[in-house]
Amino acid sequence: MELKEIMQQRSFAVVGDTLNEAKTAHEIKEKLLQRGYTVYPVGKELASLNEIPDEIDIIDLCIHPAKGLKLLQENEKDYKCIVLQPGAADETLLAYLKEHQMPYLEGCLLVGMSLYPREET
């Protein structure tokens, strides 16, 4: 899935410190909400992806790769794609994603929101 297609999805799980205004996860969460996306903050607000009560389209990792790997290993929810923010990937995480054929993109949702505003349907 390309960044343009990702930005046309509806629901995002933002994984990271979404409560700290100095963190990228907080900025992504707030900007997604401002643009009308459904956002589920995981890490500081929800402990697990499995706590999300609804379907999710995109998992956005804004955390240390080891923590992201652990959350993905425990995940039981369906999703369309994982976005790895800059600094959220390492060789171990990438190897896990490839081995389990999990769809992912190394990119930035902040860039995606500025380049590809969601089309209303």
C-alpha atoms as a PDB file:
ATOM      1  CA  MET A   1       0.000   0.000   0.000  1.00  0.00           C
ATOM      2  CA  GLU A   2       1.345   3.406  -0.956  1.00  0.00           C
ATOM      3  CA  LEU A   3       1.171   6.506   1.251  1.00  0.00           C
ATOM      4  CA  LYS A   4      -1.523   8.093  -0.924  1.00  0.00           C
ATOM      5  CA  GLU A   5      -3.790   5.041  -0.458  1.00  0.00           C
ATOM      6  CA  ILE A   6      -3.039   4.908   3.267  1.00  0.00           C
ATOM      7  CA  MET A   7      -4.230   8.494   3.696  1.00  0.00           C
ATOM      8  CA  GLN A   8      -7.602   7.581   2.157  1.00  0.00           C
ATOM      9  CA  GLN A   9      -8.311   5.050   4.910  1.00  0.00           C
ATOM     10  CA  ARG A  10     -10.610   5.857   7.832  1.00  0.00           C
ATOM     11  CA  SER A  11      -9.245   4.430  11.093  1.00  0.00           C
ATOM     12  CA  PHE A  12      -5.734   4.621  12.496  1.00  0.00           C
ATOM     13  CA  ALA A  13      -4.084   3.098  15.549  1.00  0.00           C
ATOM     14  CA  VAL A  14      -1.328   5.535  16.541  1.00  0.00           C
ATOM     15  CA  VAL A  15       1.197   3.679  18.688  1.00  0.00           C
ATOM     16  CA  GLY A  16       3.450   5.818  20.872  1.00  0.00           C
ATOM     17  CA  ASP A  17       3.348   8.544  23.498  1.00  0.00           C
ATOM     18  CA  THR A  18       0.196  10.279  22.286  1.00  0.00           C
ATOM     19  CA  LEU A  19      -0.191  12.248  25.538  1.00  0.00           C
ATOM     20  CA  ASN A  20       3.155  14.102  25.393  1.00  0.00           C
ATOM     21  CA  GLU A  21       2.819  17.214  23.225  1.00  0.00           C
ATOM     22  CA  ALA A  22       6.547  17.074  22.421  1.00  0.00           C
ATOM     23  CA  LYS A  23       6.236  13.644  20.772  1.00  0.00           C
ATOM     24  CA  THR A  24       5.501  12.895  17.139  1.00  0.00           C
ATOM     25  CA  ALA A  25       2.768  10.407  18.101  1.00  0.00           C
ATOM     26  CA  HIS A  26       0.845  13.231  19.808  1.00  0.00           C
ATOM     27  CA  GLU A  27       1.155  15.482  16.755  1.00  0.00           C
ATOM     28  CA  ILE A  28       0.036  12.709  14.406  1.00  0.00           C
ATOM     29  CA  LYS A  29      -2.941  11.841  16.623  1.00  0.00           C
ATOM     30  CA  GLU A  30      -4.089  15.460  16.836  1.00  0.00           C
ATOM     31  CA  LYS A  31      -3.703  16.156  13.105  1.00  0.00           C
ATOM     32  CA  LEU A  32      -5.539  12.962  12.154  1.00  0.00           C
ATOM     33  CA  LEU A  33      -8.402  13.894  14.491  1.00  0.00           C
ATOM     34  CA  GLN A  34      -8.533  17.446  13.088  1.00  0.00           C
ATOM     35  CA  ARG A  35      -8.914  15.991   9.604  1.00  0.00           C
ATOM     36  CA  GLY A  36     -11.788  13.713  10.576  1.00  0.00           C
ATOM     37  CA  TYR A  37     -10.030  10.365  10.853  1.00  0.00           C
ATOM     38  CA  THR A  38     -10.929   7.860  13.558  1.00  0.00           C
ATOM     39  CA  VAL A  39      -7.895   7.499  15.849  1.00  0.00           C
ATOM     40  CA  TYR A  40      -7.095   4.937  18.529  1.00  0.00           C
ATOM     41  CA  PRO A  41      -4.063   5.938  20.628  1.00  0.00           C
ATOM     42  CA  VAL A  42      -2.069   2.911  21.804  1.00  0.00           C
ATOM     43  CA  GLY A  43       0.836   2.979  24.223  1.00  0.00           C
ATOM     44  CA  LYS A  44      -0.082   5.538  26.862  1.00  0.00           C
ATOM     45  CA  GLU A  45      -3.886   5.546  26.429  1.00  0.00           C
ATOM     46  CA  LEU A  46      -4.676   1.976  25.339  1.00  0.00           C
ATOM     47  CA  ALA A  47      -2.174  -0.679  26.386  1.00  0.00           C
ATOM     48  CA  SER A  48      -2.610  -2.931  23.357  1.00  0.00           C
ATOM     49  CA  LEU A  49      -3.909  -2.974  19.810  1.00  0.00           C
ATOM     50  CA  ASN A  50      -6.272  -5.691  21.017  1.00  0.00           C
ATOM     51  CA  GLU A  51      -8.036  -3.136  23.269  1.00  0.00           C
ATOM     52  CA  ILE A  52      -9.304  -1.212  20.242  1.00  0.00           C
ATOM     53  CA  PRO A  53     -13.068  -1.858  20.160  1.00  0.00           C
ATOM     54  CA  ASP A  54     -13.541  -1.383  16.406  1.00  0.00           C
ATOM     55  CA  GLU A  55     -11.880  -2.323  13.141  1.00  0.00           C
ATOM     56  CA  ILE A  56      -8.694  -0.489  12.214  1.00  0.00           C
ATOM     57  CA  ASP A  57      -7.257   0.190   8.793  1.00  0.00           C
ATOM     58  CA  ILE A  58      -3.742   1.402   9.589  1.00  0.00           C
ATOM     59  CA  ILE A  59      -1.299   0.776  12.449  1.00  0.00           C
ATOM     60  CA  ASP A  60       1.128   3.690  12.780  1.00  0.00           C
ATOM     61  CA  LEU A  61       4.233   2.852  14.826  1.00  0.00           C
ATOM     62  CA  CYS A  62       5.868   5.862  16.521  1.00  0.00           C
ATOM     63  CA  ILE A  63       7.795   3.898  19.154  1.00  0.00           C
ATOM     64  CA  HIS A  64      11.069   2.081  19.696  1.00  0.00           C
ATOM     65  CA  PRO A  65      11.296  -0.901  17.314  1.00  0.00           C
ATOM     66  CA  ALA A  66      11.500  -3.464  20.152  1.00  0.00           C
ATOM     67  CA  LYS A  67       8.254  -2.155  21.680  1.00  0.00           C
ATOM     68  CA  GLY A  68       6.595  -2.059  18.266  1.00  0.00           C
ATOM     69  CA  LEU A  69       7.659  -5.637  17.600  1.00  0.00           C
ATOM     70  CA  LYS A  70       6.173  -6.788  20.920  1.00  0.00           C
ATOM     71  CA  LEU A  71       2.840  -5.067  20.212  1.00  0.00           C
ATOM     72  CA  LEU A  72       2.680  -6.567  16.718  1.00  0.00           C
ATOM     73  CA  GLN A  73       3.510 -10.045  18.019  1.00  0.00           C
ATOM     74  CA  GLU A  74       0.616  -9.786  20.495  1.00  0.00           C
ATOM     75  CA  ASN A  75      -1.815  -8.252  18.001  1.00  0.00           C
ATOM     76  CA  GLU A  76      -4.942 -10.195  17.078  1.00  0.00           C
ATOM     77  CA  LYS A  77      -6.709  -7.427  15.138  1.00  0.00           C
ATOM     78  CA  ASP A  78      -7.013  -7.265  11.372  1.00  0.00           C
ATOM     79  CA  TYR A  79      -5.567  -4.238   9.574  1.00  0.00           C
ATOM     80  CA  LYS A  80      -4.611  -3.209   6.050  1.00  0.00           C
ATOM     81  CA  CYS A  81      -1.097  -1.820   6.526  1.00  0.00           C
ATOM     82  CA  ILE A  82       1.505  -0.819   9.112  1.00  0.00           C
ATOM     83  CA  VAL A  83       3.272   2.532   8.797  1.00  0.00           C
ATOM     84  CA  LEU A  84       6.757   2.690  10.293  1.00  0.00           C
ATOM     85  CA  GLN A  85       7.548   6.280  11.221  1.00  0.00           C
ATOM     86  CA  PRO A  86      11.216   7.351  10.970  1.00  0.00           C
ATOM     87  CA  GLY A  87      13.102   5.697  13.840  1.00  0.00           C
ATOM     88  CA  ALA A  88      10.430   3.037  14.477  1.00  0.00           C
ATOM     89  CA  ALA A  89      12.087   0.279  12.436  1.00  0.00           C
ATOM     90  CA  ASP A  90      15.184  -1.830  12.833  1.00  0.00           C
ATOM     91  CA  GLU A  91      16.471  -5.015  11.187  1.00  0.00           C
ATOM     92  CA  THR A  92      14.683  -7.282  13.680  1.00  0.00           C
ATOM     93  CA  LEU A  93      11.300  -5.632  13.181  1.00  0.00           C
ATOM     94  CA  LEU A  94      11.653  -5.545   9.395  1.00  0.00           C
ATOM     95  CA  ALA A  95      12.666  -9.219   9.344  1.00  0.00           C
ATOM     96  CA  TYR A  96       9.588 -10.101  11.438  1.00  0.00           C
ATOM     97  CA  LEU A  97       7.271  -8.177   9.111  1.00  0.00           C
ATOM     98  CA  LYS A  98       8.748  -9.831   6.024  1.00  0.00           C
ATOM     99  CA  GLU A  99       8.754 -13.314   7.570  1.00  0.00           C
ATOM    100  CA  HIS A 100       5.068 -13.006   8.505  1.00  0.00           C
ATOM    101  CA  GLN A 101       4.176 -11.265   5.216  1.00  0.00           C
ATOM    102  CA  MET A 102       2.726  -8.281   7.049  1.00  0.00           C
ATOM    103  CA  PRO A 103       2.044  -5.288   4.766  1.00  0.00           C
ATOM    104  CA  TYR A 104       4.038  -2.229   5.782  1.00  0.00           C
ATOM    105  CA  LEU A 105       5.406   1.068   4.556  1.00  0.00           C
ATOM    106  CA  GLU A 106       8.306   3.056   5.930  1.00  0.00           C
ATOM    107  CA  GLY A 107       6.994   6.591   5.825  1.00  0.00           C
ATOM    108  CA  CYS A 108       5.489   9.505   7.692  1.00  0.00           C
ATOM    109  CA  LEU A 109       1.793  10.224   8.185  1.00  0.00           C
ATOM    110  CA  LEU A 110       2.513  13.930   8.684  1.00  0.00           C
ATOM    111  CA  VAL A 111       3.937  14.028   5.162  1.00  0.00           C
ATOM    112  CA  GLY A 112       1.030  11.911   3.941  1.00  0.00           C
ATOM    113  CA  MET A 113      -1.564  14.298   5.378  1.00  0.00           C
ATOM    114  CA  SER A 114       0.063  17.295   3.697  1.00  0.00           C
ATOM    115  CA  LEU A 115       0.514  15.602   0.302  1.00  0.00           C
ATOM    116  CA  TYR A 116      -2.671  13.546   0.130  1.00  0.00           C
ATOM    117  CA  PRO A 117      -5.691  15.045   1.864  1.00  0.00           C
ATOM    118  CA  ARG A 118      -8.372  12.402   2.301  1.00  0.00           C
ATOM    119  CA  GLU A 119     -10.972  12.438  -0.431  1.00  0.00           C
ATOM    120  CA  GLU A 120     -14.531  12.577   0.863  1.00  0.00           C
ATOM    121  CA  THR A 121     -16.781   9.788  -0.386  1.00  0.00           C
END
